C-alpha atoms as a PDB file:
ATOM      1  CA  MET A   1     -18.487   8.678 -15.025  1.00  0.00           C
ATOM      2  CA  LEU A   2     -18.318   5.752 -17.463  1.00  0.00           C
ATOM      3  CA  VAL A   3     -18.766   7.029 -21.013  1.00  0.00           C
ATOM      4  CA  PRO A   4     -18.990   4.721 -24.087  1.00  0.00           C
ATOM      5  CA  GLY A   5     -16.709   6.956 -26.136  1.00  0.00           C
ATOM      6  CA  TRP A   6     -17.279   5.116 -29.422  1.00  0.00           C
ATOM      7  CA  CYS A   7     -20.951   6.152 -29.591  1.00  0.00           C
ATOM      8  CA  THR A   8     -21.565   8.949 -27.068  1.00  0.00           C
ATOM      9  CA  PRO A   9     -20.362  12.550 -27.569  1.00  0.00           C
ATOM     10  CA  PHE A  10     -19.132  13.911 -24.237  1.00  0.00           C
ATOM     11  CA  ASP A  11     -17.452  17.289 -23.713  1.00  0.00           C
ATOM     12  CA  GLU A  12     -17.181  20.027 -21.105  1.00  0.00           C
ATOM     13  CA  ARG A  13     -20.615  21.418 -21.959  1.00  0.00           C
ATOM     14  CA  VAL A  14     -22.283  18.035 -21.533  1.00  0.00           C
ATOM     15  CA  ALA A  15     -20.426  17.393 -18.289  1.00  0.00           C
ATOM     16  CA  GLY A  16     -21.492  20.770 -16.907  1.00  0.00           C
ATOM     17  CA  GLU A  17     -25.129  20.213 -17.836  1.00  0.00           C
ATOM     18  CA  LEU A  18     -25.101  16.728 -16.352  1.00  0.00           C
ATOM     19  CA  LYS A  19     -23.649  17.998 -13.108  1.00  0.00           C
ATOM     20  CA  ARG A  20     -26.379  20.653 -12.941  1.00  0.00           C
ATOM     21  CA  ARG A  21     -29.097  18.041 -13.312  1.00  0.00           C
ATOM     22  CA  LEU A  22     -27.803  15.267 -11.104  1.00  0.00           C
ATOM     23  CA  PRO A  23     -28.715  15.259  -7.387  1.00  0.00           C
ATOM     24  CA  LEU A  24     -25.143  14.556  -6.396  1.00  0.00           C
ATOM     25  CA  ALA A  25     -25.564  15.967  -2.888  1.00  0.00           C
ATOM     26  CA  ARG A  26     -28.476  13.637  -1.988  1.00  0.00           C
ATOM     27  CA  PRO A  27     -28.530  10.604  -4.293  1.00  0.00           C
ATOM     28  CA  GLU A  28     -31.608   8.395  -4.097  1.00  0.00           C
ATOM     29  CA  GLY A  29     -29.780   5.125  -4.727  1.00  0.00           C
ATOM     30  CA  THR A  30     -27.097   3.232  -6.606  1.00  0.00           C
ATOM     31  CA  VAL A  31     -27.065   2.457 -10.320  1.00  0.00           C
ATOM     32  CA  ARG A  32     -25.624  -0.963 -11.134  1.00  0.00           C
ATOM     33  CA  TRP A  33     -24.396  -1.750 -14.628  1.00  0.00           C
ATOM     34  CA  HIS A  34     -25.067  -5.426 -15.346  1.00  0.00           C
ATOM     35  CA  THR A  35     -22.334  -6.821 -17.581  1.00  0.00           C
ATOM     36  CA  PHE A  36     -23.892  -9.946 -18.994  1.00  0.00           C
ATOM     37  CA  GLY A  37     -21.438 -12.762 -19.753  1.00  0.00           C
ATOM     38  CA  LEU A  38     -18.669 -11.325 -17.557  1.00  0.00           C
ATOM     39  CA  ASP A  39     -18.871 -14.185 -15.066  1.00  0.00           C
ATOM     40  CA  ARG A  40     -18.434 -16.751 -17.859  1.00  0.00           C
ATOM     41  CA  THR A  41     -15.539 -14.857 -19.423  1.00  0.00           C
ATOM     42  CA  VAL A  42     -13.460 -14.846 -16.229  1.00  0.00           C
ATOM     43  CA  GLU A  43     -13.385 -18.643 -16.154  1.00  0.00           C
ATOM     44  CA  PRO A  44      -9.739 -19.704 -16.788  1.00  0.00           C
ATOM     45  CA  GLY A  45     -10.098 -21.205 -20.254  1.00  0.00           C
ATOM     46  CA  ALA A  46     -12.434 -18.517 -21.579  1.00  0.00           C
ATOM     47  CA  LEU A  47     -10.346 -15.720 -20.091  1.00  0.00           C
ATOM     48  CA  ASP A  48      -7.112 -16.906 -21.703  1.00  0.00           C
ATOM     49  CA  ASP A  49      -8.895 -17.217 -25.035  1.00  0.00           C
ATOM     50  CA  TRP A  50     -10.372 -13.718 -24.815  1.00  0.00           C
ATOM     51  CA  TRP A  51      -7.097 -12.049 -23.844  1.00  0.00           C
ATOM     52  CA  GLY A  52      -5.306 -13.930 -26.620  1.00  0.00           C
ATOM     53  CA  ARG A  53      -7.615 -12.364 -29.180  1.00  0.00           C
ATOM     54  CA  TYR A  54      -7.661  -8.903 -27.589  1.00  0.00           C
ATOM     55  CA  ARG A  55      -3.996  -8.454 -26.628  1.00  0.00           C
ATOM     56  CA  ARG A  56      -2.766  -7.064 -29.975  1.00  0.00           C
ATOM     57  CA  ARG A  57      -5.447  -4.410 -30.319  1.00  0.00           C
ATOM     58  CA  GLU A  58      -4.831  -0.714 -29.714  1.00  0.00           C
ATOM     59  CA  HIS A  59      -5.620   0.819 -26.331  1.00  0.00           C
ATOM     60  CA  ASN A  60      -6.870   4.385 -26.843  1.00  0.00           C
ATOM     61  CA  GLY A  61      -9.281   4.817 -23.946  1.00  0.00           C
ATOM     62  CA  ARG A  62      -8.855   7.875 -21.746  1.00  0.00           C
ATOM     63  CA  VAL A  63      -9.296   8.715 -18.075  1.00  0.00           C
ATOM     64  CA  GLY A  64      -9.667  12.349 -17.087  1.00  0.00           C
ATOM     65  CA  HIS A  65     -11.532  14.906 -14.975  1.00  0.00           C
ATOM     66  CA  SER A  66     -14.384  17.212 -15.877  1.00  0.00           C
ATOM     67  CA  HIS A  67     -16.594  19.349 -13.602  1.00  0.00           C
ATOM     68  CA  GLY A  68     -15.710  17.253 -10.576  1.00  0.00           C
ATOM     69  CA  PHE A  69     -16.256  13.902 -12.328  1.00  0.00           C
ATOM     70  CA  VAL A  70     -13.671  11.211 -12.901  1.00  0.00           C
ATOM     71  CA  VAL A  71     -14.445  10.342 -16.521  1.00  0.00           C
ATOM     72  CA  LEU A  72     -13.603   6.882 -17.907  1.00  0.00           C
ATOM     73  CA  THR A  73     -13.923   6.771 -21.696  1.00  0.00           C
ATOM     74  CA  PRO A  74     -13.004   3.415 -23.262  1.00  0.00           C
ATOM     75  CA  SER A  75     -12.458   3.733 -27.004  1.00  0.00           C
ATOM     76  CA  GLY A  76     -14.531   0.741 -28.054  1.00  0.00           C
ATOM     77  CA  PRO A  77     -16.593  -2.204 -26.817  1.00  0.00           C
ATOM     78  CA  ASP A  78     -13.554  -4.476 -26.547  1.00  0.00           C
ATOM     79  CA  GLU A  79     -11.606  -2.006 -24.438  1.00  0.00           C
ATOM     80  CA  SER A  80     -14.691  -1.528 -22.255  1.00  0.00           C
ATOM     81  CA  ARG A  81     -14.794  -5.307 -21.768  1.00  0.00           C
ATOM     82  CA  ALA A  82     -11.071  -5.339 -20.992  1.00  0.00           C
ATOM     83  CA  TRP A  83     -11.502  -2.706 -18.276  1.00  0.00           C
ATOM     84  CA  ALA A  84     -14.399  -4.702 -16.820  1.00  0.00           C
ATOM     85  CA  LEU A  85     -12.255  -7.844 -16.710  1.00  0.00           C
ATOM     86  CA  GLN A  86      -9.381  -5.973 -15.079  1.00  0.00           C
ATOM     87  CA  ALA A  87     -11.723  -4.628 -12.398  1.00  0.00           C
ATOM     88  CA  MET A  88     -13.472  -7.944 -11.747  1.00  0.00           C
ATOM     89  CA  ARG A  89     -10.203  -9.817 -11.273  1.00  0.00           C
ATOM     90  CA  LEU A  90      -9.010  -7.539  -8.452  1.00  0.00           C
ATOM     91  CA  ASN A  91      -8.463  -9.526  -5.263  1.00  0.00           C
ATOM     92  CA  THR A  92      -7.943  -8.206  -1.719  1.00  0.00           C
ATOM     93  CA  GLN A  93      -7.039 -11.550  -0.133  1.00  0.00           C
ATOM     94  CA  GLY A  94      -3.279 -11.027  -0.416  1.00  0.00           C
ATOM     95  CA  ALA A  95      -0.931 -10.059   2.402  1.00  0.00           C
ATOM     96  CA  PHE A  96      -1.466  -6.317   1.870  1.00  0.00           C
ATOM     97  CA  GLY A  97      -5.276  -6.494   1.664  1.00  0.00           C
ATOM     98  CA  THR A  98      -5.342  -4.385  -1.500  1.00  0.00           C
ATOM     99  CA  ASP A  99      -5.122  -4.743  -5.269  1.00  0.00           C
ATOM    100  CA  TYR A 100      -5.089  -2.340  -8.213  1.00  0.00           C
ATOM    101  CA  THR A 101      -5.140  -2.045 -11.983  1.00  0.00           C
ATOM    102  CA  TYR A 102      -4.257   0.820 -14.320  1.00  0.00           C
ATOM    103  CA  LEU A 103      -6.542   2.317 -16.959  1.00  0.00           C
ATOM    104  CA  GLY A 104      -6.043   4.748 -19.830  1.00  0.00           C
ATOM    105  CA  LEU A 105      -3.014   5.884 -21.756  1.00  0.00           C
ATOM    106  CA  PHE A 106       0.544   5.716 -20.454  1.00  0.00           C
ATOM    107  CA  ASP A 107       2.812   8.780 -20.523  1.00  0.00           C
ATOM    108  CA  ARG A 108       5.433   8.269 -17.790  1.00  0.00           C
ATOM    109  CA  THR A 109       2.453   7.216 -15.663  1.00  0.00           C
ATOM    110  CA  TYR A 110      -1.055   5.952 -16.317  1.00  0.00           C
ATOM    111  CA  GLU A 111      -4.008   8.321 -16.500  1.00  0.00           C
ATOM    112  CA  GLY A 112      -6.233   6.275 -14.214  1.00  0.00           C
ATOM    113  CA  GLU A 113      -6.262   3.521 -11.649  1.00  0.00           C
ATOM    114  CA  ILE A 114      -8.757   1.343  -9.811  1.00  0.00           C
ATOM    115  CA  GLN A 115      -7.669   0.294  -6.325  1.00  0.00           C
ATOM    116  CA  VAL A 116      -9.649  -1.842  -3.877  1.00  0.00           C
ATOM    117  CA  PHE A 117      -9.077  -2.410  -0.157  1.00  0.00           C
ATOM    118  CA  ARG A 118     -10.183  -5.264   2.093  1.00  0.00           C
ATOM    119  CA  GLY A 119     -10.595  -3.052   5.192  1.00  0.00           C
ATOM    120  CA  PHE A 120     -11.639   0.149   3.447  1.00  0.00           C
ATOM    121  CA  ARG A 121     -14.049   1.444   6.118  1.00  0.00           C
ATOM    122  CA  SER A 122     -11.638   0.937   9.006  1.00  0.00           C
ATOM    123  CA  MET A 123      -8.814   2.492   6.968  1.00  0.00           C
ATOM    124  CA  VAL A 124     -10.918   5.584   6.266  1.00  0.00           C
ATOM    125  CA  SER A 125     -11.847   5.838   9.946  1.00  0.00           C
ATOM    126  CA  VAL A 126      -8.219   5.660  11.067  1.00  0.00           C
ATOM    127  CA  ALA A 127      -7.121   8.118   8.374  1.00  0.00           C
ATOM    128  CA  GLY A 128      -9.813  10.592   9.440  1.00  0.00           C
ATOM    129  CA  ARG A 129      -8.775  10.415  13.078  1.00  0.00           C
ATOM    130  CA  ALA A 130      -5.109  10.765  12.142  1.00  0.00           C
ATOM    131  CA  ARG A 131      -5.784  13.784   9.941  1.00  0.00           C
ATOM    132  CA  THR A 132      -7.803  15.467  12.711  1.00  0.00           C
ATOM    133  CA  ARG A 133      -4.995  14.953  15.211  1.00  0.00           C
ATOM    134  CA  VAL A 134      -2.292  16.265  12.885  1.00  0.00           C
ATOM    135  CA  LEU A 135      -4.246  19.350  11.810  1.00  0.00           C
ATOM    136  CA  SER A 136      -5.094  20.221  15.422  1.00  0.00           C
ATOM    137  CA  ARG A 137      -1.425  20.721  16.235  1.00  0.00           C
ATOM    138  CA  PRO A 138      -0.031  24.254  16.228  1.00  0.00           C
ATOM    139  CA  ASP A 139       2.871  23.121  14.026  1.00  0.00           C
ATOM    140  CA  ALA A 140       0.709  21.218  11.509  1.00  0.00           C
ATOM    141  CA  PRO A 141       2.385  21.206   8.070  1.00  0.00           C
ATOM    142  CA  ASP A 142       0.804  23.267   5.300  1.00  0.00           C
ATOM    143  CA  GLU A 143       2.302  21.570   2.249  1.00  0.00           C
ATOM    144  CA  PRO A 144       0.691  18.305   1.043  1.00  0.00           C
ATOM    145  CA  GLU A 145       4.110  16.668   0.638  1.00  0.00           C
ATOM    146  CA  ALA A 146       4.725  17.156   4.364  1.00  0.00           C
ATOM    147  CA  LEU A 147       1.123  16.643   5.510  1.00  0.00           C
ATOM    148  CA  ARG A 148       0.667  13.194   3.993  1.00  0.00           C
ATOM    149  CA  PRO A 149       3.658  11.555   5.752  1.00  0.00           C
ATOM    150  CA  ALA A 150       2.582  13.176   9.038  1.00  0.00           C
ATOM    151  CA  ILE A 151      -0.883  11.626   8.670  1.00  0.00           C
ATOM    152  CA  TRP A 152       0.610   8.235   7.753  1.00  0.00           C
ATOM    153  CA  ASN A 153       2.791   8.350  10.862  1.00  0.00           C
ATOM    154  CA  GLU A 154      -0.141   9.290  13.085  1.00  0.00           C
ATOM    155  CA  ALA A 155      -2.260   6.519  11.563  1.00  0.00           C
ATOM    156  CA  GLU A 156       0.424   3.993  12.512  1.00  0.00           C
ATOM    157  CA  ILE A 157       0.257   5.216  16.104  1.00  0.00           C
ATOM    158  CA  ILE A 158      -3.544   4.879  16.160  1.00  0.00           C
ATOM    159  CA  ARG A 159      -3.378   1.348  14.721  1.00  0.00           C
ATOM    160  CA  GLY A 160      -0.676   0.405  17.233  1.00  0.00           C
ATOM    161  CA  ASP A 161       1.882  -0.669  14.654  1.00  0.00           C
ATOM    162  CA  ALA A 162       4.229   2.322  14.567  1.00  0.00           C
ATOM    163  CA  HIS A 163       6.971   0.160  16.108  1.00  0.00           C
ATOM    164  CA  LEU A 164       6.901  -2.068  13.009  1.00  0.00           C
ATOM    165  CA  ARG A 165       8.474   0.666  10.882  1.00  0.00           C
ATOM    166  CA  ILE A 166      12.018  -0.425  11.610  1.00  0.00           C
ATOM    167  CA  ARG A 167      13.711   2.001   9.259  1.00  0.00           C
ATOM    168  CA  GLU A 168      12.610   5.431   8.090  1.00  0.00           C
ATOM    169  CA  TRP A 169      14.135   8.110   5.914  1.00  0.00           C
ATOM    170  CA  ASN A 170      15.401  11.439   7.123  1.00  0.00           C
ATOM    171  CA  ASP A 171      17.289  14.128   5.252  1.00  0.00           C
ATOM    172  CA  SER A 172      20.605  12.299   5.436  1.00  0.00           C
ATOM    173  CA  GLY A 173      19.672   8.624   5.132  1.00  0.00           C
ATOM    174  CA  TYR A 174      17.834   5.738   6.741  1.00  0.00           C
ATOM    175  CA  ARG A 175      17.589   5.367  10.506  1.00  0.00           C
ATOM    176  CA  LEU A 176      15.572   3.403  13.032  1.00  0.00           C
ATOM    177  CA  GLY A 177      11.933   4.430  13.246  1.00  0.00           C
ATOM    178  CA  ARG A 178      11.243   6.350  16.433  1.00  0.00           C
ATOM    179  CA  ALA A 179       8.809   3.838  17.944  1.00  0.00           C
ATOM    180  CA  ALA A 180      10.969   0.914  16.846  1.00  0.00           C
ATOM    181  CA  ALA A 181      14.041   2.507  18.427  1.00  0.00           C
ATOM    182  CA  VAL A 182      12.320   2.591  21.819  1.00  0.00           C
ATOM    183  CA  MET A 183      11.682  -1.159  21.716  1.00  0.00           C
ATOM    184  CA  LEU A 184      15.030  -2.056  20.183  1.00  0.00           C
ATOM    185  CA  ALA A 185      16.878  -0.156  22.902  1.00  0.00           C
ATOM    186  CA  HIS A 186      15.935  -3.057  25.214  1.00  0.00           C
ATOM    187  CA  ALA A 187      17.911  -5.317  22.867  1.00  0.00           C
ATOM    188  CA  GLY A 188      21.004  -3.106  22.910  1.00  0.00           C
ATOM    189  CA  VAL A 189      20.263  -1.872  19.390  1.00  0.00           C
ATOM    190  CA  ALA A 190      20.942   1.814  18.885  1.00  0.00           C
ATOM    191  CA  ASP A 191      20.952   1.997  15.102  1.00  0.00           C
ATOM    192  CA  LEU A 192      20.560  -0.042  11.927  1.00  0.00           C
ATOM    193  CA  ASP A 193      24.208  -1.101  12.074  1.00  0.00           C
ATOM    194  CA  ASP A 194      23.594  -2.706  15.470  1.00  0.00           C
ATOM    195  CA  LEU A 195      20.537  -4.533  14.144  1.00  0.00           C
ATOM    196  CA  ALA A 196      22.473  -5.814  11.134  1.00  0.00           C
ATOM    197  CA  ALA A 197      25.278  -6.969  13.423  1.00  0.00           C
ATOM    198  CA  ILE A 198      23.181  -9.072  15.808  1.00  0.00           C
ATOM    199  CA  GLY A 199      20.409 -10.055  13.397  1.00  0.00           C
ATOM    200  CA  SER A 200      16.659 -10.033  13.707  1.00  0.00           C
ATOM    201  CA  VAL A 201      16.380 -13.278  15.707  1.00  0.00           C
ATOM    202  CA  GLU A 202      18.840 -12.260  18.410  1.00  0.00           C
ATOM    203  CA  ALA A 203      17.248  -8.800  18.687  1.00  0.00           C
ATOM    204  CA  TYR A 204      13.837 -10.413  19.108  1.00  0.00           C
ATOM    205  CA  ARG A 205      15.223 -12.885  21.656  1.00  0.00           C
ATOM    206  CA  ARG A 206      16.612 -10.034  23.750  1.00  0.00           C
ATOM    207  CA  MET A 207      13.360  -8.074  23.623  1.00  0.00           C
ATOM    208  CA  ARG A 208      11.450 -11.185  24.626  1.00  0.00           C
ATOM    209  CA  ALA A 209      13.812 -11.709  27.555  1.00  0.00           C
ATOM    210  CA  ALA A 210      13.169  -8.103  28.622  1.00  0.00           C
ATOM    211  CA  GLY A 211       9.449  -8.891  28.846  1.00  0.00           C
ATOM    212  CA  LEU A 212       8.326  -6.092  26.525  1.00  0.00           C
ATOM    213  CA  LYS A 213       4.580  -5.649  26.342  1.00  0.00           C
ATOM    214  CA  GLY A 214       3.028  -5.795  22.895  1.00  0.00           C
ATOM    215  CA  LEU A 215       5.884  -7.805  21.414  1.00  0.00           C
ATOM    216  CA  ASP A 216       4.741 -10.340  18.858  1.00  0.00           C
ATOM    217  CA  LEU A 217       6.103 -12.076  15.790  1.00  0.00           C
ATOM    218  CA  GLU A 218       5.154  -9.158  13.535  1.00  0.00           C
ATOM    219  CA  MET A 219       8.162  -7.404  15.062  1.00  0.00           C
ATOM    220  CA  LEU A 220      10.397 -10.300  14.015  1.00  0.00           C
ATOM    221  CA  TRP A 221       9.078 -10.200  10.449  1.00  0.00           C
ATOM    222  CA  ALA A 222       9.486  -6.407  10.402  1.00  0.00           C
ATOM    223  CA  MET A 223      13.122  -6.565  11.478  1.00  0.00           C
ATOM    224  CA  GLU A 224      13.880  -9.278   8.943  1.00  0.00           C
ATOM    225  CA  GLY A 225      12.161  -7.231   6.250  1.00  0.00           C
ATOM    226  CA  ALA A 226      14.153  -4.133   7.155  1.00  0.00           C
ATOM    227  CA  LEU A 227      17.436  -6.028   6.920  1.00  0.00           C
ATOM    228  CA  THR A 228      16.536  -7.547   3.547  1.00  0.00           C
ATOM    229  CA  TYR A 229      14.921  -4.405   2.069  1.00  0.00           C
ATOM    230  CA  ARG A 230      11.356  -5.679   1.882  1.00  0.00           C
ATOM    231  CA  ASP A 231       8.036  -5.196   3.624  1.00  0.00           C
ATOM    232  CA  ARG A 232       7.440  -7.543   6.545  1.00  0.00           C
ATOM    233  CA  ARG A 233       4.447  -8.998   4.716  1.00  0.00           C
ATOM    234  CA  ASN A 234       6.762 -10.107   1.906  1.00  0.00           C
ATOM    235  CA  VAL A 235       8.882 -12.298   4.170  1.00  0.00           C
ATOM    236  CA  THR A 236       8.120 -15.752   2.794  1.00  0.00           C
ATOM    237  CA  ALA A 237       6.594 -18.590   4.787  1.00  0.00           C
ATOM    238  CA  GLU A 238       9.794 -20.588   4.344  1.00  0.00           C
ATOM    239  CA  ARG A 239      11.902 -17.766   5.745  1.00  0.00           C
ATOM    240  CA  ARG A 240       9.506 -17.276   8.646  1.00  0.00           C
ATOM    241  CA  GLY A 241       9.773 -20.948   9.472  1.00  0.00           C
ATOM    242  CA  ALA A 242      13.566 -20.728   9.463  1.00  0.00           C
ATOM    243  CA  LEU A 243      13.473 -17.688  11.760  1.00  0.00           C
ATOM    244  CA  LEU A 244      11.172 -19.466  14.208  1.00  0.00           C
ATOM    245  CA  ALA A 245      13.396 -22.540  14.199  1.00  0.00           C
ATOM    246  CA  GLU A 246      16.399 -20.337  14.978  1.00  0.00           C
ATOM    247  CA  LEU A 247      14.492 -18.422  17.652  1.00  0.00           C
ATOM    248  CA  GLY A 248      13.358 -21.517  19.539  1.00  0.00           C
ATOM    249  CA  THR A 249      11.228 -21.387  22.675  1.00  0.00           C
ATOM    250  CA  GLU A 250      13.853 -20.671  25.322  1.00  0.00           C
ATOM    251  CA  THR A 251      15.525 -17.342  25.931  1.00  0.00           C
ATOM    252  CA  ALA A 252      19.241 -17.721  25.370  1.00  0.00           C
ATOM    253  CA  PRO A 253      21.815 -15.632  27.294  1.00  0.00           C
ATOM    254  CA  GLU A 254      23.240 -12.679  25.468  1.00  0.00           C
ATOM    255  CA  PRO A 255      26.318 -13.680  23.468  1.00  0.00           C
ATOM    256  CA  ALA A 256      29.465 -11.588  23.229  1.00  0.00           C
ATOM    257  CA  ARG A 257      28.922  -8.585  21.016  1.00  0.00           C
ATOM    258  CA  PRO A 258      29.840  -9.610  17.451  1.00  0.00           C
ATOM    259  CA  ARG A 259      31.916  -7.572  15.076  1.00  0.00           C
ATOM    260  CA  ARG A 260      29.866  -4.747  13.592  1.00  0.00           C
ATOM    261  CA  ARG A 261      28.660  -5.249  10.053  1.00  0.00           C
ATOM    262  CA  ARG A 262      27.903  -2.040   8.211  1.00  0.00           C
ATOM    263  CA  TYR A 263      24.259  -1.523   7.333  1.00  0.00           C
ATOM    264  CA  ARG A 264      23.849  -0.746   3.647  1.00  0.00           C
ATOM    265  CA  ALA A 265      20.832   1.316   2.651  1.00  0.00           C
ATOM    266  CA  PRO A 266      18.923   0.645  -0.602  1.00  0.00           C
ATOM    267  CA  ILE A 267      20.382   2.092  -3.784  1.00  0.00           C
ATOM    268  CA  ASN A 268      17.577   4.621  -4.285  1.00  0.00           C
ATOM    269  CA  PRO A 269      18.284   7.510  -1.889  1.00  0.00           C
ATOM    270  CA  ALA A 270      14.875   9.130  -2.254  1.00  0.00           C
ATOM    271  CA  PRO A 271      12.062   8.368   0.225  1.00  0.00           C
ATOM    272  CA  HIS A 272       9.122   6.351  -1.078  1.00  0.00           C
ATOM    273  CA  ARG A 273       6.125   8.650  -1.390  1.00  0.00           C
ATOM    274  CA  SER A 274       3.411   6.673  -3.131  1.00  0.00           C
ATOM    275  CA  GLY A 275       2.099   5.007   0.021  1.00  0.00           C
ATOM    276  CA  ARG A 276       1.647   1.632  -1.606  1.00  0.00           C
ATOM    277  CA  GLY A 277       3.668  -1.239  -0.308  1.00  0.00           C
ATOM    278  CA  ARG A 278       5.562   0.937   2.130  1.00  0.00           C
ATOM    279  CA  THR A 279       8.674  -0.685   3.529  1.00  0.00           C
ATOM    280  CA  PRO A 280       9.055  -1.206   7.283  1.00  0.00           C
END
């Protein structure tokens, strides 16, 4: 619900009456709000000029909930334009296929957020299948904080990329992901210390020599990301090129086991729960 708060009274009574009138269960179509001039404003020169004039103004718009609606209430025409510009500039062509922007007031966190996804329909389909599988189990978790990770894990299995989660959190610290551990066992890697000791390239070389099915370079990026505390999609092109140069095309014999180098987990001991930009 987009409400021009500077000229339209909107309270719980109005929201309730609107919900009663609207055919939310069987809508007849889509309403499109044409924002004239928006395409010209997002041109580089015009955009910089607009933000330069707007940047010092107060931001008092609110985002909340009422009678089942998500209610966006910008405080004035300029803030409404700013929200439109933020939304229009979202781009899903990056490595993660998603982008987002925050809206509303900030109090330890923002009130609202717009997030877009490049493969939204396929993501919803996979999530639905994963949720159905998890909830059909006799030991399905009841609490949302336990249910969400279980669904994420099942979704990885459905997509076929569960092995790319090289490290995962348990109650005592980080360890190899279960699917990753199965593949890495063929490289003589039993834990994160082993992986740190031999390195991502040598581990990949050993798995390639073992003829593992489904092995591709995403596994190499994932291992490198795990060892450098980043998502595999954040491994730079330059670093990928260096890894490929080190890997080469021939399978080298296994070298003598090097001295173990202790794996050091990230400073933050708490598991990441937001779901965005999850680490391998």
